[in-house]
Structures are given as structure tokens and as C-alpha cells.
Amino acid sequence: MLAIFQQIGLPEIILILAVLLLLFGARKLPDLARSLGRSTKEFKAGMQDGATDEDAAPAAPETTAPETAEPAPEPKE
């Protein structure tokens, strides 16, 4: 998967940016980049909060249902 990104050079990046410029226009691109940056920042903060919550929360003991001496009655037809 990472090998794909190693093959992308400067011409390919310029082509991708040109296509984005044509699709979204010059006015929309800064807004899209800004919202992408905010989303990335929020995602990273959420990942860090999730990691600290897991570390702080004690592991709950596993409980199992007690076994009954008699099996459940079978339904009659």
C-alpha cells in the first residue's frame, strides 16, 4: 500500500492539484483545506482521549451466568 505513495512524484501531485482546482474552484479550495485540517486535528485529539480513557479505566472482571442444576424444560408441540 505504501509503495503506491512512493511512486507519486512532483508531476503527479501538480496534476492532482490542477484537477482539484478545476473541480472545486479557487474560492472553495482554502475552505476545503481548512476543514480538512480541523477534521484531522479533531481526529487526533479524539484518538488521544480514547487512549487515555482506556488506560485510566480499570478492567471490569468478567462474569458468567451461574449454571443451573436442571436443564430448561423443552416446549411442547
Foldseek 3Di string as FASTA:
>chain_A
DVVVVVPDDDVNVVVVVVVVCVVQNPVCVVVVVVVVVVVVVVVVVVVVVVVVVVVPDDDDDDDDDDDDPDDDDDDDD
